[in-house]
């Protein structure tokens, strides 16, 4: 299962996406949930791991 999570700088979860199949690439999942656009519109930076 692939779940995208947004957390604040203290590690508190502020949002979690609905689950997608585990084979879904992270960037594909992020785009499917509109996170890239939403964060950009809000003027927020997106930090992600490389795994």
N, C-alpha and C. Protein backbone atom coordinates (compact mmCIF):
# COMPACT_ATOMS: atom_id res chain seq x y z
N UNK A 1 0.85 -1.17 0.00
CA UNK A 1 0.00 0.00 0.00
C UNK A 1 0.89 1.23 0.00
N UNK A 2 0.52 2.24 -0.76
CA UNK A 2 1.24 3.50 -0.83
C UNK A 2 0.33 4.58 -0.25
N UNK A 3 0.78 5.19 0.84
CA UNK A 3 0.04 6.27 1.49
C UNK A 3 0.97 7.48 1.57
N UNK A 4 0.51 8.62 1.11
CA UNK A 4 1.26 9.87 1.19
C UNK A 4 0.85 10.58 2.48
N UNK A 5 1.83 11.12 3.20
CA UNK A 5 1.56 11.76 4.49
C UNK A 5 2.19 13.14 4.51
N UNK A 6 1.45 14.13 5.01
CA UNK A 6 2.00 15.46 5.26
C UNK A 6 2.13 15.64 6.76
N UNK A 7 3.31 16.10 7.19
CA UNK A 7 3.56 16.30 8.62
C UNK A 7 4.23 17.64 8.82
N UNK A 8 4.06 18.20 10.02
CA UNK A 8 4.73 19.47 10.32
C UNK A 8 6.16 19.19 10.79
N UNK A 9 6.88 20.25 11.14
CA UNK A 9 8.28 20.10 11.52
C UNK A 9 8.47 19.34 12.83
N UNK A 10 7.39 19.10 13.57
CA UNK A 10 7.46 18.32 14.80
C UNK A 10 7.07 16.87 14.57
N UNK A 11 6.76 16.52 13.32
CA UNK A 11 6.38 15.15 12.99
C UNK A 11 4.91 14.84 13.19
N UNK A 12 4.11 15.87 13.48
CA UNK A 12 2.67 15.66 13.66
C UNK A 12 2.00 15.54 12.30
N UNK A 13 1.25 14.48 12.12
CA UNK A 13 0.57 14.24 10.85
C UNK A 13 -0.59 15.21 10.69
N UNK A 14 -0.61 15.91 9.55
CA UNK A 14 -1.70 16.84 9.27
C UNK A 14 -2.62 16.34 8.16
N UNK A 15 -2.16 15.35 7.38
CA UNK A 15 -2.97 14.80 6.31
C UNK A 15 -2.38 13.47 5.87
N UNK A 16 -3.23 12.53 5.53
CA UNK A 16 -2.81 11.25 4.95
C UNK A 16 -3.74 10.92 3.79
N UNK A 17 -3.17 10.47 2.71
CA UNK A 17 -3.96 10.16 1.51
C UNK A 17 -4.67 8.83 1.65
N UNK A 18 -5.67 8.61 0.82
CA UNK A 18 -6.22 7.26 0.71
C UNK A 18 -5.12 6.35 0.15
N UNK A 19 -5.16 5.10 0.50
CA UNK A 19 -4.15 4.16 0.04
C UNK A 19 -4.26 3.84 -1.44
N UNK A 20 -3.12 3.70 -2.07
CA UNK A 20 -3.03 3.25 -3.46
C UNK A 20 -2.28 1.92 -3.46
N UNK A 21 -2.34 1.16 -4.55
CA UNK A 21 -1.61 -0.10 -4.60
C UNK A 21 -0.12 0.11 -4.31
N UNK A 22 0.49 -0.84 -3.64
CA UNK A 22 1.89 -0.73 -3.23
C UNK A 22 2.87 -0.52 -4.37
N UNK A 23 2.53 -0.97 -5.57
CA UNK A 23 3.43 -0.81 -6.72
C UNK A 23 3.41 0.61 -7.28
N UNK A 24 2.54 1.47 -6.77
CA UNK A 24 2.45 2.85 -7.26
C UNK A 24 3.70 3.62 -6.84
N UNK A 25 4.37 4.24 -7.79
CA UNK A 25 5.55 5.05 -7.50
C UNK A 25 5.13 6.26 -6.65
N UNK A 26 6.02 6.70 -5.76
CA UNK A 26 5.69 7.82 -4.87
C UNK A 26 5.33 9.09 -5.62
N UNK A 27 6.08 9.44 -6.65
CA UNK A 27 5.78 10.66 -7.40
C UNK A 27 4.44 10.55 -8.11
N UNK A 28 4.13 9.37 -8.63
CA UNK A 28 2.83 9.14 -9.27
C UNK A 28 1.71 9.32 -8.25
N UNK A 29 1.87 8.77 -7.05
CA UNK A 29 0.86 8.90 -6.00
C UNK A 29 0.70 10.36 -5.58
N UNK A 30 1.82 11.06 -5.46
CA UNK A 30 1.77 12.47 -5.07
C UNK A 30 1.00 13.29 -6.10
N UNK A 31 1.26 13.03 -7.35
CA UNK A 31 0.54 13.75 -8.42
C UNK A 31 -0.93 13.35 -8.47
N UNK A 32 -1.23 12.07 -8.24
CA UNK A 32 -2.62 11.59 -8.28
C UNK A 32 -3.47 12.28 -7.22
N UNK A 33 -2.88 12.63 -6.09
CA UNK A 33 -3.62 13.28 -5.01
C UNK A 33 -3.54 14.81 -5.09
N UNK A 34 -2.87 15.33 -6.12
CA UNK A 34 -2.80 16.78 -6.32
C UNK A 34 -1.91 17.50 -5.33
N UNK A 35 -1.00 16.78 -4.68
CA UNK A 35 -0.16 17.41 -3.66
C UNK A 35 0.83 18.42 -4.22
N UNK A 36 1.43 18.11 -5.36
CA UNK A 36 2.42 19.01 -5.95
C UNK A 36 1.79 20.38 -6.20
N UNK A 37 0.64 20.39 -6.82
CA UNK A 37 -0.05 21.64 -7.13
C UNK A 37 -0.51 22.36 -5.86
N UNK A 38 -1.09 21.61 -4.93
CA UNK A 38 -1.62 22.22 -3.70
C UNK A 38 -0.51 22.87 -2.88
N UNK A 39 0.62 22.19 -2.76
CA UNK A 39 1.73 22.76 -1.99
C UNK A 39 2.29 23.99 -2.69
N UNK A 40 2.40 23.93 -4.01
CA UNK A 40 2.89 25.08 -4.77
C UNK A 40 1.98 26.29 -4.63
N UNK A 41 0.68 26.07 -4.72
CA UNK A 41 -0.28 27.16 -4.59
C UNK A 41 -0.24 27.77 -3.19
N UNK A 42 0.07 26.95 -2.19
CA UNK A 42 0.14 27.43 -0.81
C UNK A 42 1.50 28.04 -0.48
N UNK A 43 2.44 27.97 -1.44
CA UNK A 43 3.76 28.53 -1.21
C UNK A 43 4.60 27.69 -0.26
N UNK A 44 4.31 26.40 -0.17
CA UNK A 44 5.03 25.51 0.74
C UNK A 44 6.04 24.67 -0.03
N UNK A 45 7.13 24.32 0.64
CA UNK A 45 8.13 23.44 0.04
C UNK A 45 7.77 22.00 0.31
N UNK A 46 8.18 21.14 -0.58
CA UNK A 46 7.94 19.71 -0.43
C UNK A 46 9.29 19.00 -0.27
N UNK A 47 9.44 18.27 0.82
CA UNK A 47 10.64 17.49 1.07
C UNK A 47 10.26 16.03 0.99
N UNK A 48 11.06 15.25 0.29
CA UNK A 48 10.76 13.83 0.13
C UNK A 48 12.04 13.01 0.24
N UNK A 49 11.86 11.73 0.53
CA UNK A 49 13.03 10.85 0.55
C UNK A 49 13.30 10.31 -0.84
N UNK A 50 14.41 9.65 -1.02
CA UNK A 50 14.75 9.10 -2.34
C UNK A 50 14.45 7.62 -2.46
N UNK A 51 13.84 7.03 -1.47
CA UNK A 51 13.58 5.59 -1.52
C UNK A 51 12.39 5.28 -2.38
